[in-house]
Amino acid sequence: MGNKDFNKDKLIEYWIASSDDDYKTMIVMFDSKRFSWSLFIGHLMIEKLLKAYYVKVKSDYPPFIHNLLRLAEKAELSLTDDEKKQLVTITAFNINARYDDYKMSFKNLCTTEFTEEWIEKIKELRPWIKTLIQQ
């Protein structure tokens, strides 16, 4: 680590607060039927919680990655096969740097039913990860 400015508690607090803000945005996007964006924000929200968890267990800055499964593995988080599959799927919701054709195909995938299903899964992951951070 070696960074004298590193403040573990403040960094964890930052990631959680930012994640909480993203959670609210995810809900607003979902309610306004901006389904692909709601899932994208859901990905960011889970990513930030995993980064808070990483800081907690590693006492270091989290890696600059967006792959949720890889981030969880780097934090040595024990996951079920189902949780691993969920993280892989949610990672695919990170559309920010994708090409327009991918964004359009993703947008078409985001039906009401698909989005409702994944928003619920994201909502279930959120308190679980937050509990891990607080332990």
Protein backbone atom coordinates (compact mmCIF):
# COMPACT_ATOMS: atom_id res chain seq x y z
CA MET A 1 0.00 0.00 0.00
CA GLY A 2 2.42 2.67 1.17
CA ASN A 3 0.17 5.67 0.52
CA LYS A 4 0.12 7.93 3.58
CA ASP A 5 -3.11 9.56 2.34
CA PHE A 6 -4.96 6.24 2.26
CA ASN A 7 -7.94 6.31 4.62
CA LYS A 8 -9.65 2.94 4.52
CA ASP A 9 -12.85 3.98 6.31
CA LYS A 10 -13.34 7.10 4.20
CA LEU A 11 -12.74 5.17 1.00
CA ILE A 12 -15.27 2.50 1.98
CA GLU A 13 -17.72 5.24 2.92
CA TYR A 14 -17.16 6.91 -0.47
CA TRP A 15 -17.88 3.72 -2.43
CA ILE A 16 -21.00 2.94 -0.39
CA ALA A 17 -22.39 6.49 -0.66
CA SER A 18 -21.76 6.56 -4.40
CA SER A 19 -23.41 3.15 -4.71
CA ASP A 20 -26.44 4.33 -2.72
CA ASP A 21 -26.81 7.28 -5.09
CA ASP A 22 -26.59 4.93 -8.07
CA TYR A 23 -29.26 2.72 -6.50
CA LYS A 24 -31.69 5.66 -6.46
CA THR A 25 -30.78 6.50 -10.06
CA MET A 26 -31.33 2.87 -11.10
CA ILE A 27 -34.85 3.00 -9.66
CA VAL A 28 -35.64 6.33 -11.36
CA MET A 29 -34.37 4.99 -14.69
CA PHE A 30 -36.45 1.83 -14.28
CA ASP A 31 -39.59 3.78 -13.32
CA SER A 32 -39.16 6.00 -16.38
CA LYS A 33 -38.81 2.86 -18.55
CA ARG A 34 -35.18 3.59 -19.44
CA PHE A 35 -34.51 -0.11 -18.98
CA SER A 36 -31.05 -0.48 -20.51
CA TRP A 37 -29.84 2.52 -18.51
CA SER A 38 -31.36 1.20 -15.29
CA LEU A 39 -29.41 -2.04 -15.73
CA PHE A 40 -26.24 -0.13 -16.61
CA ILE A 41 -26.56 1.91 -13.41
CA GLY A 42 -27.33 -1.32 -11.52
CA HIS A 43 -23.99 -2.66 -12.74
CA LEU A 44 -22.22 0.46 -11.48
CA MET A 45 -23.96 0.17 -8.12
CA ILE A 46 -22.81 -3.43 -7.61
CA GLU A 47 -19.32 -2.58 -8.87
CA LYS A 48 -18.95 0.17 -6.29
CA LEU A 49 -20.11 -2.11 -3.46
CA LEU A 50 -17.60 -4.74 -4.54
CA LYS A 51 -14.92 -2.07 -4.57
CA ALA A 52 -15.90 -1.07 -1.02
CA TYR A 53 -15.65 -4.73 -0.03
CA TYR A 54 -12.25 -4.97 -1.73
CA VAL A 55 -10.99 -1.97 0.25
CA LYS A 56 -12.29 -3.54 3.46
CA VAL A 57 -10.56 -6.90 3.00
CA LYS A 58 -7.41 -5.80 1.16
CA SER A 59 -6.78 -2.44 2.84
CA ASP A 60 -5.83 -1.06 -0.55
CA TYR A 61 -7.32 0.84 -3.46
CA PRO A 62 -9.51 -1.36 -5.67
CA PRO A 63 -8.31 -2.30 -9.14
CA PHE A 64 -9.45 -0.27 -12.15
CA ILE A 65 -11.69 -3.00 -13.56
CA HIS A 66 -15.40 -3.26 -14.29
CA ASN A 67 -15.68 -7.04 -14.50
CA LEU A 68 -17.71 -7.88 -11.40
CA LEU A 69 -16.68 -11.53 -11.15
CA ARG A 70 -13.00 -10.64 -11.51
CA LEU A 71 -13.37 -7.91 -8.91
CA ALA A 72 -15.05 -10.34 -6.49
CA GLU A 73 -12.29 -12.90 -7.14
CA LYS A 74 -9.57 -10.31 -6.48
CA ALA A 75 -11.32 -9.52 -3.19
CA GLU A 76 -11.35 -13.27 -2.46
CA LEU A 77 -15.12 -13.22 -2.04
CA SER A 78 -16.62 -16.68 -1.72
CA LEU A 79 -19.40 -17.08 -4.29
CA THR A 80 -21.86 -19.77 -5.27
CA ASP A 81 -22.03 -20.81 -8.91
CA ASP A 82 -25.33 -18.92 -9.21
CA GLU A 83 -23.78 -15.74 -7.79
CA LYS A 84 -20.89 -16.08 -10.23
CA LYS A 85 -23.32 -16.37 -13.16
CA GLN A 86 -25.26 -13.34 -11.93
CA LEU A 87 -22.09 -11.24 -11.73
CA VAL A 88 -21.08 -12.29 -15.25
CA THR A 89 -24.51 -11.33 -16.60
CA ILE A 90 -24.61 -8.03 -14.72
CA THR A 91 -21.13 -7.19 -16.04
CA ALA A 92 -22.59 -7.37 -19.56
CA PHE A 93 -24.90 -4.48 -18.59
CA ASN A 94 -21.86 -2.17 -18.61
CA ILE A 95 -22.69 -0.51 -21.93
CA ASN A 96 -20.77 2.73 -21.46
CA ALA A 97 -17.81 1.92 -23.72
CA ARG A 98 -19.64 -0.38 -26.14
CA TYR A 99 -20.19 0.20 -29.84
CA ASP A 100 -23.55 1.55 -30.96
CA ASP A 101 -24.67 -1.76 -32.52
CA TYR A 102 -24.08 -3.54 -29.19
CA LYS A 103 -25.94 -0.80 -27.32
CA MET A 104 -28.91 -1.17 -29.68
CA SER A 105 -29.02 -4.96 -29.35
CA PHE A 106 -28.76 -4.62 -25.58
CA LYS A 107 -31.55 -2.05 -25.56
CA ASN A 108 -33.73 -4.48 -27.52
CA LEU A 109 -32.97 -7.23 -25.00
CA CYS A 110 -34.16 -5.03 -22.13
CA THR A 111 -37.84 -5.81 -22.20
CA THR A 112 -39.95 -4.99 -19.16
CA GLU A 113 -39.82 -8.62 -18.01
CA PHE A 114 -36.07 -9.03 -18.53
CA THR A 115 -35.31 -5.78 -16.75
CA GLU A 116 -37.67 -6.51 -13.84
CA GLU A 117 -36.00 -9.89 -13.34
CA TRP A 118 -32.50 -8.44 -13.28
CA ILE A 119 -33.39 -5.39 -11.20
CA GLU A 120 -34.73 -7.80 -8.57
CA LYS A 121 -31.51 -9.84 -8.66
CA ILE A 122 -29.45 -6.67 -8.34
CA LYS A 123 -31.63 -5.57 -5.43
CA GLU A 124 -30.95 -8.92 -3.72
CA LEU A 125 -27.18 -8.64 -4.20
CA ARG A 126 -27.05 -5.13 -2.77
CA PRO A 127 -27.90 -5.84 0.91
CA TRP A 128 -25.84 -9.05 0.86
CA ILE A 129 -22.69 -7.21 -0.22
CA LYS A 130 -23.40 -4.33 2.18
CA THR A 131 -23.68 -6.85 5.03
CA LEU A 132 -20.29 -8.29 4.08
CA ILE A 133 -18.77 -4.81 4.15
CA GLN A 134 -20.18 -4.13 7.62
CA GLN A 135 -18.99 -7.39 9.18
